């Protein structure tokens, strides 16, 4: 089943952006909330107000988090495969 594209107006760090996605509205809004919260947290910790820099730092943080999660998952899979092989 192919999902249809939906248009959203979302607010990130006080700025309104147009967004088009084929993902569910729940996932889009959850993602927007996650990024907005992260940008606000980074701004508070660094006292940075440059929206582009905050977006970049948020993207890097999320990428690092994803890589860490992938590494943990691969370790779990490796351990499970070793257990099954014994």
N, C-alpha and C. Protein backbone atom coordinates (compact mmCIF):
# COMPACT_ATOMS: atom_id res chain seq x y z
N UNK A 1 0.85 -1.18 0.00
CA UNK A 1 0.00 0.00 0.00
C UNK A 1 0.89 1.24 0.00
N UNK A 2 0.65 2.14 -0.91
CA UNK A 2 1.44 3.36 -1.01
C UNK A 2 0.73 4.46 -0.23
N UNK A 3 1.45 5.09 0.66
CA UNK A 3 0.88 6.18 1.44
C UNK A 3 0.88 7.45 0.61
N UNK A 4 -0.11 8.26 0.81
CA UNK A 4 -0.16 9.52 0.09
C UNK A 4 0.60 10.60 0.86
N UNK A 5 1.11 11.54 0.14
CA UNK A 5 1.85 12.63 0.76
C UNK A 5 0.88 13.58 1.45
N UNK A 6 1.25 14.00 2.64
CA UNK A 6 0.46 14.95 3.40
C UNK A 6 1.30 16.19 3.65
N UNK A 7 0.65 17.34 3.66
CA UNK A 7 1.34 18.60 3.93
C UNK A 7 1.07 19.00 5.37
N UNK A 8 2.11 19.49 6.02
CA UNK A 8 2.00 19.93 7.41
C UNK A 8 2.66 21.30 7.54
N UNK A 9 2.15 22.08 8.45
CA UNK A 9 2.84 23.29 8.90
C UNK A 9 3.27 22.99 10.31
N UNK A 10 4.59 23.02 10.52
CA UNK A 10 5.13 22.66 11.83
C UNK A 10 5.97 23.82 12.35
N UNK A 11 6.09 23.86 13.67
CA UNK A 11 6.90 24.90 14.30
C UNK A 11 8.10 24.26 14.95
N UNK A 12 9.28 24.72 14.52
CA UNK A 12 10.54 24.27 15.10
C UNK A 12 11.29 25.49 15.60
N UNK A 13 11.56 25.51 16.87
CA UNK A 13 12.31 26.59 17.50
C UNK A 13 11.68 27.95 17.17
N UNK A 14 10.35 27.98 17.21
CA UNK A 14 9.61 29.21 17.01
C UNK A 14 9.42 29.63 15.58
N UNK A 15 9.90 28.85 14.62
CA UNK A 15 9.75 29.17 13.21
C UNK A 15 8.81 28.17 12.55
N UNK A 16 7.91 28.67 11.72
CA UNK A 16 6.96 27.81 11.02
C UNK A 16 7.59 27.31 9.73
N UNK A 17 7.45 26.01 9.49
CA UNK A 17 8.00 25.38 8.30
C UNK A 17 6.93 24.53 7.62
N UNK A 18 6.98 24.47 6.30
CA UNK A 18 6.12 23.58 5.54
C UNK A 18 6.85 22.24 5.42
N UNK A 19 6.11 21.18 5.61
CA UNK A 19 6.68 19.84 5.59
C UNK A 19 5.76 18.92 4.81
N UNK A 20 6.33 18.09 3.96
CA UNK A 20 5.56 17.11 3.20
C UNK A 20 6.11 15.73 3.56
N UNK A 21 5.21 14.82 3.90
CA UNK A 21 5.65 13.48 4.31
C UNK A 21 4.59 12.45 3.97
N UNK A 22 5.04 11.22 3.73
CA UNK A 22 4.10 10.12 3.55
C UNK A 22 3.98 9.29 4.83
N UNK A 23 4.64 9.74 5.88
CA UNK A 23 4.57 9.07 7.17
C UNK A 23 3.27 9.45 7.87
N UNK A 24 2.92 8.72 8.90
CA UNK A 24 1.69 9.01 9.63
C UNK A 24 1.81 10.36 10.35
N UNK A 25 0.67 10.99 10.56
CA UNK A 25 0.67 12.27 11.25
C UNK A 25 1.28 12.14 12.64
N UNK A 26 0.98 11.04 13.31
CA UNK A 26 1.52 10.80 14.65
C UNK A 26 3.05 10.79 14.62
N UNK A 27 3.64 10.08 13.66
CA UNK A 27 5.10 10.01 13.56
C UNK A 27 5.71 11.36 13.19
N UNK A 28 5.06 12.08 12.29
CA UNK A 28 5.56 13.41 11.90
C UNK A 28 5.56 14.33 13.11
N UNK A 29 4.44 14.38 13.82
CA UNK A 29 4.35 15.28 14.97
C UNK A 29 5.29 14.86 16.10
N UNK A 30 5.47 13.56 16.28
CA UNK A 30 6.43 13.09 17.29
C UNK A 30 7.85 13.49 16.92
N UNK A 31 8.19 13.37 15.64
CA UNK A 31 9.52 13.76 15.18
C UNK A 31 9.75 15.26 15.35
N UNK A 32 8.75 16.04 15.00
CA UNK A 32 8.84 17.49 15.15
C UNK A 32 9.04 17.85 16.62
N UNK A 33 8.29 17.21 17.49
CA UNK A 33 8.41 17.48 18.92
C UNK A 33 9.81 17.12 19.42
N UNK A 34 10.33 15.98 18.98
CA UNK A 34 11.66 15.55 19.39
C UNK A 34 12.72 16.55 18.96
N UNK A 35 12.69 16.97 17.70
CA UNK A 35 13.68 17.91 17.18
C UNK A 35 13.53 19.27 17.86
N UNK A 36 12.31 19.74 18.02
CA UNK A 36 12.07 21.04 18.66
C UNK A 36 12.60 21.04 20.09
N UNK A 37 12.31 19.99 20.83
CA UNK A 37 12.77 19.89 22.21
C UNK A 37 14.29 19.84 22.26
N UNK A 38 14.88 19.06 21.36
CA UNK A 38 16.34 18.94 21.32
C UNK A 38 16.98 20.29 20.99
N UNK A 39 16.43 21.01 20.02
CA UNK A 39 16.97 22.32 19.66
C UNK A 39 16.88 23.28 20.85
N UNK A 40 15.77 23.25 21.57
CA UNK A 40 15.61 24.12 22.73
C UNK A 40 16.59 23.75 23.84
N UNK A 41 16.78 22.46 24.05
CA UNK A 41 17.74 22.00 25.06
C UNK A 41 19.16 22.43 24.71
N UNK A 42 19.53 22.26 23.45
CA UNK A 42 20.87 22.66 23.01
C UNK A 42 21.04 24.16 23.15
N UNK A 43 20.02 24.92 22.78
CA UNK A 43 20.09 26.39 22.88
C UNK A 43 20.28 26.81 24.34
N UNK A 44 19.58 26.14 25.23
CA UNK A 44 19.70 26.47 26.65
C UNK A 44 21.09 26.14 27.18
N UNK A 45 21.63 25.01 26.76
CA UNK A 45 22.94 24.58 27.25
C UNK A 45 24.09 25.38 26.65
N UNK A 46 23.94 25.80 25.39
CA UNK A 46 25.04 26.47 24.70
C UNK A 46 24.85 27.99 24.59
N UNK A 47 23.64 28.43 24.87
CA UNK A 47 23.27 29.85 24.72
C UNK A 47 23.37 30.30 23.26
N UNK A 48 23.30 29.37 22.36
CA UNK A 48 23.31 29.65 20.92
C UNK A 48 21.88 30.01 20.51
N UNK A 49 21.74 30.99 19.64
CA UNK A 49 20.42 31.37 19.15
C UNK A 49 20.31 31.24 17.63
N UNK A 50 21.37 30.84 16.97
CA UNK A 50 21.38 30.67 15.52
C UNK A 50 20.60 29.39 15.17
N UNK A 51 19.46 29.56 14.53
CA UNK A 51 18.58 28.43 14.23
C UNK A 51 19.27 27.38 13.37
N UNK A 52 20.02 27.81 12.37
CA UNK A 52 20.71 26.85 11.50
C UNK A 52 21.74 26.04 12.27
N UNK A 53 22.48 26.70 13.14
CA UNK A 53 23.49 25.98 13.91
C UNK A 53 22.82 25.02 14.89
N UNK A 54 21.72 25.45 15.50
CA UNK A 54 20.99 24.56 16.42
C UNK A 54 20.44 23.35 15.68
N UNK A 55 19.92 23.57 14.47
CA UNK A 55 19.40 22.46 13.67
C UNK A 55 20.52 21.49 13.31
N UNK A 56 21.68 22.02 12.96
CA UNK A 56 22.84 21.18 12.64
C UNK A 56 23.27 20.37 13.86
N UNK A 57 23.36 21.02 15.01
CA UNK A 57 23.76 20.31 16.23
C UNK A 57 22.74 19.25 16.61
N UNK A 58 21.46 19.55 16.42
CA UNK A 58 20.41 18.56 16.71
C UNK A 58 20.54 17.38 15.76
N UNK A 59 20.77 17.65 14.47
CA UNK A 59 20.93 16.57 13.49
C UNK A 59 22.13 15.69 13.83
N UNK A 60 23.24 16.31 14.20
CA UNK A 60 24.43 15.54 14.58
C UNK A 60 24.17 14.70 15.82
N UNK A 61 23.48 15.26 16.79
CA UNK A 61 23.15 14.52 18.01
C UNK A 61 22.29 13.30 17.67
N UNK A 62 21.27 13.51 16.84
CA UNK A 62 20.39 12.40 16.47
C UNK A 62 21.13 11.34 15.65
N UNK A 63 22.04 11.77 14.78
CA UNK A 63 22.84 10.82 13.99
C UNK A 63 23.73 9.98 14.91
N UNK A 64 24.38 10.64 15.87
CA UNK A 64 25.23 9.92 16.82
C UNK A 64 24.41 8.93 17.63
N UNK A 65 23.23 9.35 18.04
CA UNK A 65 22.35 8.48 18.82
C UNK A 65 21.94 7.27 17.99
N UNK A 66 21.62 7.48 16.72
CA UNK A 66 21.24 6.38 15.85
C UNK A 66 22.39 5.41 15.65
N UNK A 67 23.59 5.92 15.42
CA UNK A 67 24.75 5.05 15.25
C UNK A 67 25.02 4.23 16.51
N UNK A 68 24.88 4.86 17.66
CA UNK A 68 25.08 4.15 18.93
C UNK A 68 24.03 3.05 19.09
N UNK A 69 22.77 3.37 18.77
CA UNK A 69 21.70 2.37 18.87
C UNK A 69 21.93 1.22 17.90
N UNK A 70 22.40 1.53 16.68
CA UNK A 70 22.69 0.47 15.71
C UNK A 70 23.81 -0.43 16.20
N UNK A 71 24.83 0.18 16.80
CA UNK A 71 25.94 -0.60 17.32
C UNK A 71 25.48 -1.53 18.44
N UNK A 72 24.65 -1.02 19.32
CA UNK A 72 24.12 -1.85 20.42
C UNK A 72 23.27 -2.98 19.87
N UNK A 73 22.46 -2.69 18.87
CA UNK A 73 21.62 -3.72 18.26
C UNK A 73 22.47 -4.80 17.61
N UNK A 74 23.51 -4.39 16.89
CA UNK A 74 24.39 -5.37 16.25
C UNK A 74 25.08 -6.25 17.29
N UNK A 75 25.48 -5.65 18.42
CA UNK A 75 26.10 -6.44 19.49
C UNK A 75 25.12 -7.45 20.06
N UNK A 76 23.87 -7.03 20.25
CA UNK A 76 22.85 -7.95 20.75
C UNK A 76 22.61 -9.10 19.77
N UNK A 77 22.56 -8.77 18.50
CA UNK A 77 22.36 -9.80 17.47
C UNK A 77 23.54 -10.76 17.45
N UNK A 78 24.76 -10.22 17.50
CA UNK A 78 25.95 -11.07 17.52
C UNK A 78 25.94 -12.00 18.72
N UNK A 79 25.62 -11.47 19.88
CA UNK A 79 25.57 -12.29 21.10
C UNK A 79 24.50 -13.37 21.00
N UNK A 80 23.36 -13.03 20.42
CA UNK A 80 22.28 -14.00 20.27
C UNK A 80 22.68 -15.10 19.29
N UNK A 81 23.35 -14.71 18.21
CA UNK A 81 23.80 -15.71 17.24
C UNK A 81 24.85 -16.64 17.85
N UNK A 82 25.72 -16.10 18.67
CA UNK A 82 26.73 -16.93 19.34
C UNK A 82 26.07 -17.91 20.30
N UNK A 83 25.04 -17.43 21.00
CA UNK A 83 24.32 -18.30 21.94
C UNK A 83 23.61 -19.42 21.19
N UNK A 84 22.99 -19.10 20.08
CA UNK A 84 22.27 -20.11 19.28
C UNK A 84 23.24 -21.12 18.69
N UNK A 85 24.43 -20.66 18.29
CA UNK A 85 25.42 -21.53 17.66
C UNK A 85 26.05 -22.51 18.66
N UNK A 86 25.94 -22.23 19.94
CA UNK A 86 26.58 -23.12 20.93
C UNK A 86 25.80 -24.36 21.17
